[in-house]
Amino acid sequence: LPLGAVVALLLAAEMVLIVLGGRYAGFGDVPAPPPLPAGY
């Protein structure tokens, strides 16, 4: 359980940093990707 809890906390911290840091499309200052062209 202690090792699993540490790994789970590290994964949760990485996801929080990605979302709050604006590295995900649509969050923060990063714009959403442009629409794909026809036939893509």
Full PDB file with SEQRES, HELIX, SHEET, SSBOND, CRYST1, ORIGX, SCALE, CONECT and MASTER records, all heavy atoms in Angstrom:
SEQRES   1 A   40  LEU PRO LEU GLY ALA VAL VAL ALA LEU LEU LEU ALA ALA          
SEQRES   2 A   40  GLU MET VAL LEU ILE VAL LEU GLY GLY ARG TYR ALA GLY          
SEQRES   3 A   40  PHE GLY ASP VAL PRO ALA PRO PRO PRO LEU PRO ALA GLY          
SEQRES   4 A   40  TYR                                                          
HELIX    1 AA1 PRO A    2  LEU A   20  1                                  19    
CRYST1    1.000    1.000    1.000  90.00  90.00  90.00 P 1           1          
ORIGX1      1.000000  0.000000  0.000000        0.00000                         
ORIGX2      0.000000  1.000000  0.000000        0.00000                         
ORIGX3      0.000000  0.000000  1.000000        0.00000                         
SCALE1      1.000000  0.000000  0.000000        0.00000                         
SCALE2      0.000000  1.000000  0.000000        0.00000                         
SCALE3      0.000000  0.000000  1.000000        0.00000                         
ATOM      1  N   LEU A   1       0.800  -1.216   0.000  1.00  0.00           N  
ATOM      2  CA  LEU A   1       0.000   0.000   0.000  1.00  0.00           C  
ATOM      3  C   LEU A   1       0.843   1.280   0.000  1.00  0.00           C  
ATOM      4  O   LEU A   1       0.535   2.209  -0.755  1.00  0.00           O  
ATOM      5  CB  LEU A   1      -0.956  -0.011   1.191  1.00  0.00           C  
ATOM      6  CG  LEU A   1      -1.892   1.198   1.297  1.00  0.00           C  
ATOM      7  CD1 LEU A   1      -2.778   1.286   0.068  1.00  0.00           C  
ATOM      8  CD2 LEU A   1      -2.731   1.106   2.563  1.00  0.00           C  
ATOM      9  N   PRO A   2       1.924   1.404   0.798  1.00  0.00           N  
ATOM     10  CA  PRO A   2       2.701   2.660   0.752  1.00  0.00           C  
ATOM     11  C   PRO A   2       3.295   2.947  -0.620  1.00  0.00           C  
ATOM     12  O   PRO A   2       3.209   4.083  -1.110  1.00  0.00           O  
ATOM     13  CB  PRO A   2       3.801   2.429   1.806  1.00  0.00           C  
ATOM     14  CG  PRO A   2       3.227   1.407   2.725  1.00  0.00           C  
ATOM     15  CD  PRO A   2       2.404   0.513   1.876  1.00  0.00           C  
ATOM     16  N   LEU A   3       3.857   1.927  -1.282  1.00  0.00           N  
ATOM     17  CA  LEU A   3       4.428   2.139  -2.606  1.00  0.00           C  
ATOM     18  C   LEU A   3       3.352   2.513  -3.624  1.00  0.00           C  
ATOM     19  O   LEU A   3       3.539   3.437  -4.437  1.00  0.00           O  
ATOM     20  CB  LEU A   3       5.163   0.877  -3.074  1.00  0.00           C  
ATOM     21  CG  LEU A   3       5.802   0.935  -4.467  1.00  0.00           C  
ATOM     22  CD1 LEU A   3       6.832   2.046  -4.545  1.00  0.00           C  
ATOM     23  CD2 LEU A   3       6.419  -0.409  -4.818  1.00  0.00           C  
ATOM     24  N   GLY A   4       2.214   1.836  -3.563  1.00  0.00           N  
ATOM     25  CA  GLY A   4       1.119   2.176  -4.466  1.00  0.00           C  
ATOM     26  C   GLY A   4       0.592   3.576  -4.232  1.00  0.00           C  
ATOM     27  O   GLY A   4       0.250   4.295  -5.184  1.00  0.00           O  
ATOM     28  N   ALA A   5       0.518   3.993  -2.972  1.00  0.00           N  
ATOM     29  CA  ALA A   5       0.042   5.347  -2.666  1.00  0.00           C  
ATOM     30  C   ALA A   5       0.999   6.407  -3.192  1.00  0.00           C  
ATOM     31  O   ALA A   5       0.576   7.443  -3.718  1.00  0.00           O  
ATOM     32  CB  ALA A   5      -0.143   5.499  -1.151  1.00  0.00           C  
ATOM     33  N   VAL A   6       2.309   6.150  -3.078  1.00  0.00           N  
ATOM     34  CA  VAL A   6       3.299   7.102  -3.592  1.00  0.00           C  
ATOM     35  C   VAL A   6       3.186   7.240  -5.107  1.00  0.00           C  
ATOM     36  O   VAL A   6       3.194   8.349  -5.666  1.00  0.00           O  
ATOM     37  CB  VAL A   6       4.715   6.667  -3.179  1.00  0.00           C  
ATOM     38  CG1 VAL A   6       5.769   7.514  -3.896  1.00  0.00           C  
ATOM     39  CG2 VAL A   6       4.888   6.798  -1.674  1.00  0.00           C  
ATOM     40  N   VAL A   7       3.061   6.109  -5.808  1.00  0.00           N  
ATOM     41  CA  VAL A   7       2.922   6.150  -7.267  1.00  0.00           C  
ATOM     42  C   VAL A   7       1.638   6.866  -7.667  1.00  0.00           C  
ATOM     43  O   VAL A   7       1.625   7.679  -8.609  1.00  0.00           O  
ATOM     44  CB  VAL A   7       2.964   4.719  -7.836  1.00  0.00           C  
ATOM     45  CG1 VAL A   7       2.674   4.731  -9.331  1.00  0.00           C  
ATOM     46  CG2 VAL A   7       4.314   4.080  -7.585  1.00  0.00           C  
ATOM     47  N   ALA A   8       0.542   6.592  -6.959  1.00  0.00           N  
ATOM     48  CA  ALA A   8      -0.733   7.258  -7.268  1.00  0.00           C  
ATOM     49  C   ALA A   8      -0.640   8.763  -7.044  1.00  0.00           C  
ATOM     50  O   ALA A   8      -1.153   9.558  -7.853  1.00  0.00           O  
ATOM     51  CB  ALA A   8      -1.849   6.651  -6.424  1.00  0.00           C  
ATOM     52  N   LEU A   9       0.020   9.187  -5.976  1.00  0.00           N  
ATOM     53  CA  LEU A   9       0.167  10.619  -5.715  1.00  0.00           C  
ATOM     54  C   LEU A   9       1.034  11.294  -6.771  1.00  0.00           C  
ATOM     55  O   LEU A   9       0.748  12.423  -7.194  1.00  0.00           O  
ATOM     56  CB  LEU A   9       0.765  10.836  -4.319  1.00  0.00           C  
ATOM     57  CG  LEU A   9      -0.148  10.505  -3.137  1.00  0.00           C  
ATOM     58  CD1 LEU A   9       0.591  10.675  -1.821  1.00  0.00           C  
ATOM     59  CD2 LEU A   9      -1.399  11.382  -3.168  1.00  0.00           C  
ATOM     60  N   LEU A  10       2.083  10.613  -7.230  1.00  0.00           N  
ATOM     61  CA  LEU A  10       2.926  11.183  -8.287  1.00  0.00           C  
ATOM     62  C   LEU A  10       2.143  11.352  -9.589  1.00  0.00           C  
ATOM     63  O   LEU A  10       2.254  12.386 -10.263  1.00  0.00           O  
ATOM     64  CB  LEU A  10       4.150  10.293  -8.514  1.00  0.00           C  
ATOM     65  CG  LEU A  10       5.218  10.300  -7.419  1.00  0.00           C  
ATOM     66  CD1 LEU A  10       6.327   9.312  -7.741  1.00  0.00           C  
ATOM     67  CD2 LEU A  10       5.798  11.703  -7.239  1.00  0.00           C  
ATOM     68  N   LEU A  11       1.342  10.346  -9.944  1.00  0.00           N  
ATOM     69  CA  LEU A  11       0.536  10.454 -11.155  1.00  0.00           C  
ATOM     70  C   LEU A  11      -0.495  11.571 -11.039  1.00  0.00           C  
ATOM     71  O   LEU A  11      -0.715  12.336 -11.985  1.00  0.00           O  
ATOM     72  CB  LEU A  11      -0.158   9.116 -11.438  1.00  0.00           C  
ATOM     73  CG  LEU A  11       0.748   7.952 -11.854  1.00  0.00           C  
ATOM     74  CD1 LEU A  11      -0.072   6.668 -12.000  1.00  0.00           C  
ATOM     75  CD2 LEU A  11       1.454   8.261 -13.165  1.00  0.00           C  
ATOM     76  N   ALA A  12      -1.134  11.670  -9.875  1.00  0.00           N  
ATOM     77  CA  ALA A  12      -2.111  12.737  -9.671  1.00  0.00           C  
ATOM     78  C   ALA A  12      -1.448  14.115  -9.733  1.00  0.00           C  
ATOM     79  O   ALA A  12      -1.999  15.062 -10.317  1.00  0.00           O  
ATOM     80  CB  ALA A  12      -2.825  12.549  -8.340  1.00  0.00           C  
ATOM     81  N   ALA A  13      -0.250  14.247  -9.150  1.00  0.00           N  
ATOM     82  CA  ALA A  13       0.461  15.535  -9.192  1.00  0.00           C  
ATOM     83  C   ALA A  13       0.851  15.901 -10.623  1.00  0.00           C  
ATOM     84  O   ALA A  13       0.755  17.070 -11.021  1.00  0.00           O  
ATOM     85  CB  ALA A  13       1.708  15.461  -8.304  1.00  0.00           C  
ATOM     86  N   GLU A  14       1.266  14.917 -11.422  1.00  0.00           N  
ATOM     87  CA  GLU A  14       1.607  15.204 -12.818  1.00  0.00           C  
ATOM     88  C   GLU A  14       0.383  15.678 -13.601  1.00  0.00           C  
ATOM     89  O   GLU A  14       0.472  16.634 -14.394  1.00  0.00           O  
ATOM     90  CB  GLU A  14       2.192  13.961 -13.470  1.00  0.00           C  
ATOM     91  CG  GLU A  14       3.582  13.596 -12.955  1.00  0.00           C  
ATOM     92  CD  GLU A  14       4.114  12.331 -13.601  1.00  0.00           C  
ATOM     93  OE1 GLU A  14       3.388  11.734 -14.423  1.00  0.00           O  
ATOM     94  OE2 GLU A  14       5.255  11.938 -13.300  1.00  0.00           O  
ATOM     95  N   MET A  15      -0.764  15.031 -13.394  1.00  0.00           N  
ATOM     96  CA  MET A  15      -1.974  15.452 -14.106  1.00  0.00           C  
ATOM     97  C   MET A  15      -2.401  16.848 -13.688  1.00  0.00           C  
ATOM     98  O   MET A  15      -2.827  17.662 -14.515  1.00  0.00           O  
ATOM     99  CB  MET A  15      -3.095  14.438 -13.861  1.00  0.00           C  
ATOM    100  CG  MET A  15      -2.876  13.106 -14.555  1.00  0.00           C  
ATOM    101  SD  MET A  15      -4.300  11.991 -14.445  1.00  0.00           S  
ATOM    102  CE  MET A  15      -4.237  11.560 -12.709  1.00  0.00           C  
ATOM    103  N   VAL A  16      -2.284  17.160 -12.397  1.00  0.00           N  
ATOM    104  CA  VAL A  16      -2.660  18.499 -11.928  1.00  0.00           C  
ATOM    105  C   VAL A  16      -1.727  19.551 -12.519  1.00  0.00           C  
ATOM    106  O   VAL A  16      -2.164  20.629 -12.961  1.00  0.00           O  
ATOM    107  CB  VAL A  16      -2.644  18.541 -10.391  1.00  0.00           C  
ATOM    108  CG1 VAL A  16      -2.782  19.979  -9.893  1.00  0.00           C  
ATOM    109  CG2 VAL A  16      -3.769  17.686  -9.832  1.00  0.00           C  
ATOM    110  N   LEU A  17      -0.432  19.270 -12.577  1.00  0.00           N  
ATOM    111  CA  LEU A  17       0.518  20.225 -13.155  1.00  0.00           C  
ATOM    112  C   LEU A  17       0.259  20.449 -14.636  1.00  0.00           C  
ATOM    113  O   LEU A  17       0.384  21.565 -15.145  1.00  0.00           O  
ATOM    114  CB  LEU A  17       1.948  19.722 -12.939  1.00  0.00           C  
ATOM    115  CG  LEU A  17       2.461  19.751 -11.496  1.00  0.00           C  
ATOM    116  CD1 LEU A  17       3.856  19.138 -11.413  1.00  0.00           C  
ATOM    117  CD2 LEU A  17       2.474  21.183 -10.960  1.00  0.00           C  
ATOM    118  N   ILE A  18      -0.107  19.382 -15.346  1.00  0.00           N  
ATOM    119  CA  ILE A  18      -0.380  19.534 -16.783  1.00  0.00           C  
ATOM    120  C   ILE A  18      -1.618  20.385 -17.013  1.00  0.00           C  
ATOM    121  O   ILE A  18      -1.630  21.284 -17.866  1.00  0.00           O  
ATOM    122  CB  ILE A  18      -0.529  18.145 -17.439  1.00  0.00           C  
ATOM    123  CG1 ILE A  18       0.823  17.431 -17.473  1.00  0.00           C  
ATOM    124  CG2 ILE A  18      -1.084  18.271 -18.856  1.00  0.00           C  
ATOM    125  CD1 ILE A  18       0.751  16.008 -17.979  1.00  0.00           C  
ATOM    126  N   VAL A  19      -2.675  20.105 -16.250  1.00  0.00           N  
ATOM    127  CA  VAL A  19      -3.931  20.846 -16.452  1.00  0.00           C  
ATOM    128  C   VAL A  19      -3.787  22.297 -16.000  1.00  0.00           C  
ATOM    129  O   VAL A  19      -4.148  23.230 -16.730  1.00  0.00           O  
ATOM    130  CB  VAL A  19      -5.081  20.147 -15.701  1.00  0.00           C  
ATOM    131  CG1 VAL A  19      -6.347  20.998 -15.758  1.00  0.00           C  
ATOM    132  CG2 VAL A  19      -5.345  18.776 -16.305  1.00  0.00           C  
ATOM    133  N   LEU A  20      -3.250  22.521 -14.798  1.00  0.00           N  
ATOM    134  CA  LEU A  20      -3.124  23.884 -14.288  1.00  0.00           C  
ATOM    135  C   LEU A  20      -2.022  24.663 -14.978  1.00  0.00           C  
ATOM    136  O   LEU A  20      -2.066  25.888 -15.010  1.00  0.00           O  
ATOM    137  CB  LEU A  20      -2.871  23.845 -12.774  1.00  0.00           C  
ATOM    138  CG  LEU A  20      -3.990  23.234 -11.925  1.00  0.00           C  
ATOM    139  CD1 LEU A  20      -3.628  23.305 -10.454  1.00  0.00           C  
ATOM    140  CD2 LEU A  20      -5.318  23.932 -12.189  1.00  0.00           C  
ATOM    141  N   GLY A  21      -1.030  23.947 -15.529  1.00  0.00           N  
ATOM    142  CA  GLY A  21       0.055  24.644 -16.215  1.00  0.00           C  
ATOM    143  C   GLY A  21      -0.284  25.075 -17.625  1.00  0.00           C  
ATOM    144  O   GLY A  21       0.529  25.706 -18.296  1.00  0.00           O  
ATOM    145  N   GLY A  22      -1.469  24.743 -18.112  1.00  0.00           N  
ATOM    146  CA  GLY A  22      -1.864  25.185 -19.432  1.00  0.00           C  
ATOM    147  C   GLY A  22      -1.231  24.411 -20.555  1.00  0.00           C  
ATOM    148  O   GLY A  22      -1.126  24.909 -21.678  1.00  0.00           O  
ATOM    149  N   ARG A  23      -0.803  23.166 -20.302  1.00  0.00           N  
ATOM    150  CA  ARG A  23      -0.178  22.373 -21.345  1.00  0.00           C  
ATOM    151  C   ARG A  23      -1.184  21.490 -22.070  1.00  0.00           C  
ATOM    152  O   ARG A  23      -0.817  20.731 -22.947  1.00  0.00           O  
ATOM    153  CB  ARG A  23       0.935  21.496 -20.757  1.00  0.00           C  
ATOM    154  CG  ARG A  23       2.095  22.303 -20.227  1.00  0.00           C  
ATOM    155  CD  ARG A  23       3.214  21.378 -19.765  1.00  0.00           C  
ATOM    156  NE  ARG A  23       4.370  22.126 -19.315  1.00  0.00           N  
ATOM    157  CZ  ARG A  23       4.550  22.566 -18.083  1.00  0.00           C  
ATOM    158  NH1 ARG A  23       3.630  22.311 -17.179  1.00  0.00           N  
ATOM    159  NH2 ARG A  23       5.623  23.246 -17.753  1.00  0.00           N  
ATOM    160  N   TYR A  24      -2.407  21.530 -21.671  1.00  0.00           N  
ATOM    161  CA  TYR A  24      -3.440  20.735 -22.330  1.00  0.00           C  
ATOM    162  C   TYR A  24      -4.264  21.625 -23.242  1.00  0.00           C  
ATOM    163  O   TYR A  24      -4.535  22.787 -22.920  1.00  0.00           O  
ATOM    164  CB  TYR A  24      -4.344  20.061 -21.286  1.00  0.00           C  
ATOM    165  CG  TYR A  24      -5.335  19.099 -21.864  1.00  0.00           C  
ATOM    166  CD1 TYR A  24      -4.940  17.850 -22.319  1.00  0.00           C  
ATOM    167  CD2 TYR A  24      -6.671  19.460 -21.990  1.00  0.00           C  
ATOM    168  CE1 TYR A  24      -5.854  16.954 -22.855  1.00  0.00           C  
ATOM    169  CE2 TYR A  24      -7.586  18.569 -22.525  1.00  0.00           C  
ATOM    170  CZ  TYR A  24      -7.167  17.330 -22.956  1.00  0.00           C  
ATOM    171  OH  TYR A  24      -8.078  16.465 -23.495  1.00  0.00           O  
ATOM    172  N   ALA A  25      -4.637  21.091 -24.380  1.00  0.00           N  
ATOM    173  CA  ALA A  25      -5.365  21.885 -25.365  1.00  0.00           C  
ATOM    174  C   ALA A  25      -6.705  22.353 -24.792  1.00  0.00           C  
ATOM    175  O   ALA A  25      -7.488  21.551 -24.301  1.00  0.00           O  
ATOM    176  CB  ALA A  25      -5.605  21.064 -26.628  1.00  0.00           C  
ATOM    177  N   GLY A  26      -6.934  23.643 -24.861  1.00  0.00           N  
ATOM    178  CA  GLY A  26      -8.180  24.195 -24.345  1.00  0.00           C  
ATOM    179  C   GLY A  26      -8.068  24.723 -22.936  1.00  0.00           C  
ATOM    180  O   GLY A  26      -8.991  25.368 -22.458  1.00  0.00           O  
ATOM    181  N   PHE A  27      -6.951  24.490 -22.229  1.00  0.00           N  
ATOM    182  CA  PHE A  27      -6.755  24.965 -20.868  1.00  0.00           C  
ATOM    183  C   PHE A  27      -5.644  26.006 -20.867  1.00  0.00           C  
ATOM    184  O   PHE A  27      -4.653  25.889 -21.599  1.00  0.00           O  
ATOM    185  CB  PHE A  27      -6.382  23.824 -19.922  1.00  0.00           C  
ATOM    186  CG  PHE A  27      -7.510  22.860 -19.668  1.00  0.00           C  
ATOM    187  CD1 PHE A  27      -7.699  21.777 -20.497  1.00  0.00           C  
ATOM    188  CD2 PHE A  27      -8.389  23.060 -18.625  1.00  0.00           C  
ATOM    189  CE1 PHE A  27      -8.734  20.893 -20.275  1.00  0.00           C  
ATOM    190  CE2 PHE A  27      -9.429  22.185 -18.383  1.00  0.00           C  
ATOM    191  CZ  PHE A  27      -9.605  21.097 -19.224  1.00  0.00           C  
ATOM    192  N   GLY A  28      -5.778  27.006 -20.044  1.00  0.00           N  
ATOM    193  CA  GLY A  28      -4.726  27.997 -19.903  1.00  0.00           C  
ATOM    194  C   GLY A  28      -4.568  28.829 -21.165  1.00  0.00           C  
ATOM    195  O   GLY A  28      -5.532  29.250 -21.817  1.00  0.00           O  
ATOM    196  N   ASP A  29      -3.305  29.108 -21.504  1.00  0.00           N  
ATOM    197  CA  ASP A  29      -2.991  29.953 -22.658  1.00  0.00           C  
ATOM    198  C   ASP A  29      -2.819  29.165 -23.942  1.00  0.00           C  
ATOM    199  O   ASP A  29      -2.559  29.757 -24.991  1.00  0.00           O  
ATOM    200  CB  ASP A  29      -1.699  30.738 -22.382  1.00  0.00           C  
ATOM    201  CG  ASP A  29      -1.848  31.647 -21.171  1.00  0.00           C  
ATOM    202  OD1 ASP A  29      -2.995  32.079 -20.913  1.00  0.00           O  
ATOM    203  OD2 ASP A  29      -0.846  31.899 -20.482  1.00  0.00           O  
ATOM    204  N   VAL A  30      -2.903  27.840 -23.884  1.00  0.00           N  
ATOM    205  CA  VAL A  30      -2.705  27.025 -25.076  1.00  0.00           C  
ATOM    206  C   VAL A  30      -4.020  26.931 -25.826  1.00  0.00           C  
ATOM    207  O   VAL A  30      -5.025  26.461 -25.276  1.00  0.00           O  
ATOM    208  CB  VAL A  30      -2.198  25.614 -24.708  1.00  0.00           C  
ATOM    209  CG1 VAL A  30      -2.033  24.765 -25.966  1.00  0.00           C  
ATOM    210  CG2 VAL A  30      -0.883  25.724 -23.957  1.00  0.00           C  
ATOM    211  N   PRO A  31      -4.074  27.375 -27.069  1.00  0.00           N  
ATOM    212  CA  PRO A  31      -5.347  27.313 -27.817  1.00  0.00           C  
ATOM    213  C   PRO A  31      -5.657  25.892 -28.246  1.00  0.00           C  
ATOM    214  O   PRO A  31      -4.783  25.031 -28.321  1.00  0.00           O  
ATOM    215  CB  PRO A  31      -5.068  28.212 -29.032  1.00  0.00           C  
ATOM    216  CG  PRO A  31      -3.587  28.121 -29.228  1.00  0.00           C  
ATOM    217  CD  PRO A  31      -2.992  27.978 -27.838  1.00  0.00           C  
ATOM    218  N   ALA A  32      -6.921  25.670 -28.514  1.00  0.00           N  
ATOM    219  CA  ALA A  32      -7.340  24.367 -29.012  1.00  0.00           C  
ATOM    220  C   ALA A  32      -6.793  24.148 -30.414  1.00  0.00           C  
ATOM    221  O   ALA A  32      -6.573  25.108 -31.161  1.00  0.00           O  
ATOM    222  CB  ALA A  32      -8.859  24.268 -29.006  1.00  0.00           C  
ATOM    223  N   PRO A  33      -6.544  22.894 -30.803  1.00  0.00           N  
ATOM    224  CA  PRO A  33      -6.007  22.643 -32.145  1.00  0.00           C  
ATOM    225  C   PRO A  33      -7.006  23.047 -33.219  1.00  0.00           C  
ATOM    226  O   PRO A  33      -8.224  22.995 -33.013  1.00  0.00           O  
ATOM    227  CB  PRO A  33      -5.773  21.124 -32.143  1.00  0.00           C  
ATOM    228  CG  PRO A  33      -6.685  20.595 -31.104  1.00  0.00           C  
ATOM    229  CD  PRO A  33      -6.753  21.648 -30.049  1.00  0.00           C  
ATOM    230  N   PRO A  34      -6.519  23.459 -34.383  1.00  0.00           N  
ATOM    231  CA  PRO A  34      -7.431  23.875 -35.457  1.00  0.00           C  
ATOM    232  C   PRO A  34      -8.213  22.682 -35.992  1.00  0.00           C  
ATOM    233  O   PRO A  34      -7.781  21.532 -35.846  1.00  0.00           O  
ATOM    234  CB  PRO A  34      -6.476  24.447 -36.516  1.00  0.00           C  
ATOM    235  CG  PRO A  34      -5.172  23.751 -36.252  1.00  0.00           C  
ATOM    236  CD  PRO A  34      -5.120  23.566 -34.767  1.00  0.00           C  
ATOM    237  N   PRO A  35      -9.342  22.915 -36.596  1.00  0.00           N  
ATOM    238  CA  PRO A  35     -10.116  21.801 -37.169  1.00  0.00           C  
ATOM    239  C   PRO A  35      -9.360  21.115 -38.292  1.00  0.00           C  
ATOM    240  O   PRO A  35      -8.615  21.752 -39.042  1.00  0.00           O  
ATOM    241  CB  PRO A  35     -11.397  22.479 -37.675  1.00  0.00           C  
ATOM    242  CG  PRO A  35     -11.025  23.929 -37.853  1.00  0.00           C  
ATOM    243  CD  PRO A  35     -10.006  24.208 -36.780  1.00  0.00           C  
ATOM    244  N   LEU A  36      -9.549  19.828 -38.399  1.00  0.00           N  
ATOM    245  CA  LEU A  36      -8.840  19.045 -39.403  1.00  0.00           C  
ATOM    246  C   LEU A  36      -9.454  19.266 -40.775  1.00  0.00           C  
ATOM    247  O   LEU A  36     -10.663  19.484 -40.910  1.00  0.00           O  
ATOM    248  CB  LEU A  36      -8.904  17.561 -39.028  1.00  0.00           C  
ATOM    249  CG  LEU A  36      -8.272  17.201 -37.679  1.00  0.00           C  
ATOM    250  CD1 LEU A  36      -8.488  15.729 -37.375  1.00  0.00           C  
ATOM    251  CD2 LEU A  36      -6.782  17.533 -37.680  1.00  0.00           C  
ATOM    252  N   PRO A  37      -8.627  19.196 -41.808  1.00  0.00           N  
ATOM    253  CA  PRO A  37      -9.165  19.403 -43.162  1.00  0.00           C  
ATOM    254  C   PRO A  37     -10.037  18.233 -43.592  1.00  0.00           C  
ATOM    255  O   PRO A  37      -9.993  17.146 -43.009  1.00  0.00           O  
ATOM    256  CB  PRO A  37      -7.900  19.511 -44.026  1.00  0.00           C  
ATOM    257  CG  PRO A  37      -6.860  18.765 -43.256  1.00  0.00           C  
ATOM    258  CD  PRO A  37      -7.179  19.010 -41.809  1.00  0.00           C  
ATOM    259  N   ALA A  38     -10.809  18.464 -44.639  1.00  0.00           N  
ATOM    260  CA  ALA A  38     -11.684  17.419 -45.167  1.00  0.00           C  
ATOM    261  C   ALA A  38     -10.850  16.299 -45.778  1.00  0.00           C  
ATOM    262  O   ALA A  38      -9.838  16.541 -46.439  1.00  0.00           O  
ATOM    263  CB  ALA A  38     -12.628  18.006 -46.220  1.00  0.00           C  
ATOM    264  N   GLY A  39     -11.279  15.063 -45.536  1.00  0.00           N  
ATOM    265  CA  GLY A  39     -10.550  13.909 -46.047  1.00  0.00           C  
ATOM    266  C   GLY A  39      -9.363  13.495 -45.216  1.00  0.00           C  
ATOM    267  O   GLY A  39      -8.588  12.627 -45.636  1.00  0.00           O  
ATOM    268  N   TYR A  40      -9.193  14.091 -44.021  1.00  0.00           N  
ATOM    269  CA  TYR A  40      -8.073  13.737 -43.163  1.00  0.00           C  
ATOM    270  C   TYR A  40      -8.320  12.366 -42.532  1.00  0.00           C  
ATOM    271  O   TYR A  40      -9.424  12.065 -42.085  1.00  0.00           O  
ATOM    272  CB  TYR A  40      -7.878  14.791 -42.084  1.00  0.00           C  
ATOM    273  CG  TYR A  40      -6.791  14.466 -41.085  1.00  0.00           C  
ATOM    274  CD1 TYR A  40      -5.463  14.724 -41.363  1.00  0.00           C  
ATOM    275  CD2 TYR A  40      -7.108  13.885 -39.860  1.00  0.00           C  
ATOM    276  CE1 TYR A  40      -4.466  14.439 -40.460  1.00  0.00           C  
ATOM    277  CE2 TYR A  40      -6.122  13.586 -38.947  1.00  0.00           C  
ATOM    278  CZ  TYR A  40      -4.812  13.864 -39.250  1.00  0.00           C  
ATOM    279  OH  TYR A  40      -3.831  13.562 -38.342  1.00  0.00           O  
TER     280      TYR A  40                                                      
MASTER        0    0    0    1    0    0    0    6  279    1    0    4          
END                                                                             
